[in-house]
Amino acid sequence: MTMTQTSSKSGKSDERTYPSAFYAAAGVGDMAYEQLRKLPELADKLRDKAAEFADQAAKTDMPQWKAKANEYGAFATSKAAELTSKVDAAQIRDSIVAGTQTAAEKATKFYDTLVARGEQAFTEQPATPGFDAKSESTSAPTAKAEAKTGEDVPPAAKPAAKKPPRAAK
């Protein structure tokens, strides 16, 4: 099953096995995996930062902070009232339209990046740490046989087998 799709930018057709949305989803998964691998290190940094802030908070004088917050609040309120009188609706509308167009262009570029990343992740399939392909291939010949008998649909795209309904007690 080969699909021919026309690229939104170039107008030329690409030969792909699956739709670009499939590859975009694979790209999102690849990005998520990359970010999840960074979480333990980030958690350690945040834990240290939280301890540092807790120490600083224990050393501060609360009434002083409340007075500063009230002062900044009054300033912000007066500034907001001043700026409200200077609002130009036409200028805001033009700014929103331009911003929306820019966001749409960026979203299209990001989507194309996800598709490319997904195609790369799907076709290359880097080795998983702790996974030995040799021992896996000798200990699980049925998995290879099942993969060969399946269609050109990846396992995630196949519908799940329906479970029989539970018997009433």
Protein backbone atom coordinates (compact mmCIF):
# COMPACT_ATOMS: atom_id res chain seq x y z
CA MET A 1 0.00 0.00 0.00
CA THR A 2 1.84 3.05 -1.23
CA MET A 3 0.27 6.46 -0.95
CA THR A 4 1.03 9.39 -3.18
CA GLN A 5 0.77 12.71 -1.42
CA THR A 6 1.39 16.22 -2.62
CA SER A 7 3.56 18.36 -0.38
CA SER A 8 1.84 21.58 0.69
CA LYS A 9 4.93 23.70 -0.02
CA SER A 10 6.56 22.29 -3.10
CA GLY A 11 3.62 20.87 -5.05
CA LYS A 12 5.59 17.70 -5.89
CA SER A 13 4.32 14.27 -4.91
CA ASP A 14 6.03 11.98 -2.43
CA GLU A 15 5.81 8.19 -2.34
CA ARG A 16 5.09 7.15 1.23
CA THR A 17 3.87 3.91 2.70
CA TYR A 18 1.63 5.65 5.23
CA PRO A 19 -0.06 9.08 5.38
CA SER A 20 1.99 12.01 6.61
CA ALA A 21 -0.16 12.21 9.75
CA PHE A 22 1.19 8.77 10.72
CA TYR A 23 4.75 10.01 10.40
CA ALA A 24 3.88 13.23 12.27
CA ALA A 25 2.52 11.13 15.13
CA ALA A 26 5.72 9.06 15.11
CA GLY A 27 7.69 12.32 15.19
CA VAL A 28 5.70 13.49 18.22
CA GLY A 29 6.39 10.18 19.92
CA ASP A 30 10.09 10.47 19.17
CA MET A 31 10.18 14.02 20.56
CA ALA A 32 8.27 12.93 23.68
CA TYR A 33 10.67 10.05 24.24
CA GLU A 34 13.63 12.40 23.90
CA GLN A 35 12.14 14.80 26.44
CA LEU A 36 11.17 12.03 28.87
CA ARG A 37 14.76 10.85 28.98
CA LYS A 38 15.71 14.31 30.32
CA LEU A 39 13.20 14.19 33.20
CA PRO A 40 15.34 12.56 35.91
CA GLU A 41 18.07 15.18 35.51
CA LEU A 42 15.51 18.00 35.46
CA ALA A 43 13.81 16.62 38.57
CA ASP A 44 17.12 16.68 40.44
CA LYS A 45 17.75 20.30 39.41
CA LEU A 46 14.25 21.36 40.45
CA ARG A 47 14.57 19.57 43.79
CA ASP A 48 17.78 21.51 44.51
CA LYS A 49 16.16 24.78 43.40
CA ALA A 50 13.12 24.14 45.62
CA ALA A 51 15.34 23.55 48.64
CA GLU A 52 17.20 26.77 47.88
CA PHE A 53 13.93 28.75 47.63
CA ALA A 54 12.65 27.20 50.85
CA ASP A 55 15.78 28.39 52.65
CA GLN A 56 15.37 31.90 51.21
CA ALA A 57 11.69 32.02 52.18
CA ALA A 58 12.50 31.04 55.75
CA LYS A 59 14.92 33.98 55.98
CA THR A 60 12.59 36.69 54.55
CA ASP A 61 10.36 39.15 56.34
CA MET A 62 6.73 38.61 55.24
CA PRO A 63 5.26 42.07 56.07
CA GLN A 64 7.89 43.69 53.84
CA TRP A 65 6.85 41.49 50.88
CA LYS A 66 3.17 42.24 51.45
CA ALA A 67 3.81 45.99 51.38
CA LYS A 68 5.80 45.67 48.15
CA ALA A 69 3.04 43.56 46.56
CA ASN A 70 0.40 46.15 47.47
CA GLU A 71 2.57 48.94 46.05
CA TYR A 72 3.07 47.09 42.74
CA GLY A 73 -0.65 46.23 42.59
CA ALA A 74 -1.66 49.89 42.89
CA PHE A 75 0.88 50.86 40.22
CA ALA A 76 -0.40 48.13 37.85
CA THR A 77 -4.01 49.25 38.31
CA SER A 78 -3.22 52.89 37.50
CA LYS A 79 -1.12 51.87 34.49
CA ALA A 80 -3.92 49.62 33.17
CA ALA A 81 -6.42 52.49 33.42
CA GLU A 82 -4.02 54.77 31.54
CA LEU A 83 -3.39 52.25 28.74
CA THR A 84 -7.09 51.43 28.33
CA SER A 85 -7.74 54.94 27.07
CA LYS A 86 -5.05 54.52 24.38
CA VAL A 87 -6.46 51.34 22.75
CA ASP A 88 -6.85 51.38 18.94
CA ALA A 89 -9.18 48.54 17.84
CA ALA A 90 -8.11 48.62 14.16
CA GLN A 91 -4.46 48.32 15.08
CA ILE A 92 -5.20 45.42 17.41
CA ARG A 93 -7.25 43.65 14.70
CA ASP A 94 -4.42 44.04 12.15
CA SER A 95 -1.92 42.77 14.69
CA ILE A 96 -4.08 39.72 15.42
CA VAL A 97 -4.50 38.90 11.72
CA ALA A 98 -0.74 39.17 11.11
CA GLY A 99 -0.01 37.09 14.19
CA THR A 100 -2.47 34.42 13.12
CA GLN A 101 -0.89 34.17 9.67
CA THR A 102 2.57 33.89 11.18
CA ALA A 103 1.35 31.21 13.62
CA ALA A 104 -0.21 29.23 10.77
CA GLU A 105 3.06 29.32 8.81
CA LYS A 106 5.03 28.22 11.86
CA ALA A 107 2.53 25.42 12.53
CA THR A 108 2.88 24.18 8.94
CA LYS A 109 6.68 24.20 9.20
CA PHE A 110 6.51 22.40 12.56
CA TYR A 111 4.15 19.78 11.13
CA ASP A 112 6.53 19.20 8.20
CA THR A 113 9.38 18.86 10.71
CA LEU A 114 7.38 16.28 12.67
CA VAL A 115 6.65 14.33 9.49
CA ALA A 116 10.33 14.26 8.55
CA ARG A 117 11.33 13.27 12.08
CA GLY A 118 8.67 10.56 12.15
CA GLU A 119 9.79 9.15 8.82
CA GLN A 120 13.34 9.04 10.11
CA ALA A 121 12.36 7.48 13.45
CA PHE A 122 10.08 4.97 11.75
CA THR A 123 12.60 3.87 9.13
CA GLU A 124 15.80 3.91 11.20
CA GLN A 125 14.45 2.47 14.49
CA PRO A 126 17.51 3.06 16.70
CA ALA A 127 18.57 0.29 19.05
CA THR A 128 16.89 0.37 22.44
CA PRO A 129 19.32 0.34 25.41
CA GLY A 130 19.25 -3.05 27.13
CA PHE A 131 17.73 -4.78 24.08
CA ASP A 132 19.75 -7.54 22.47
CA ALA A 133 18.45 -8.26 18.98
CA LYS A 134 20.34 -11.57 18.71
CA SER A 135 18.88 -13.12 21.85
CA GLU A 136 15.46 -11.71 21.03
CA SER A 137 15.47 -13.18 17.52
CA THR A 138 16.46 -16.68 18.73
CA SER A 139 14.10 -16.77 21.69
CA ALA A 140 11.02 -15.44 19.89
CA PRO A 141 10.70 -16.97 16.41
CA THR A 142 6.91 -16.77 16.61
CA ALA A 143 7.02 -12.96 16.75
CA LYS A 144 8.85 -12.89 13.42
CA ALA A 145 6.38 -15.33 11.92
CA GLU A 146 3.46 -13.23 13.14
CA ALA A 147 5.03 -10.09 11.72
CA LYS A 148 5.43 -11.73 8.32
CA THR A 149 1.84 -12.92 8.20
CA GLY A 150 0.44 -9.48 9.01
CA GLU A 151 -0.51 -6.89 6.44
CA ASP A 152 1.37 -3.67 5.67
CA VAL A 153 -0.26 -2.11 8.73
CA PRO A 154 1.90 -1.38 11.78
CA PRO A 155 0.82 -3.13 15.01
CA ALA A 156 -0.39 0.14 16.55
CA ALA A 157 -2.74 0.75 13.61
CA LYS A 158 -4.35 -2.72 13.73
CA PRO A 159 -7.66 -2.84 15.60
CA ALA A 160 -7.49 -4.54 18.97
CA ALA A 161 -9.17 -7.92 19.28
CA LYS A 162 -12.56 -7.63 20.93
CA LYS A 163 -12.84 -9.26 24.33
CA PRO A 164 -15.85 -11.48 24.98
CA PRO A 165 -18.43 -9.88 27.31
CA ARG A 166 -18.25 -10.81 30.98
CA ALA A 167 -20.66 -13.40 32.20
CA ALA A 168 -23.32 -12.05 34.57
CA LYS A 169 -23.01 -13.26 38.16
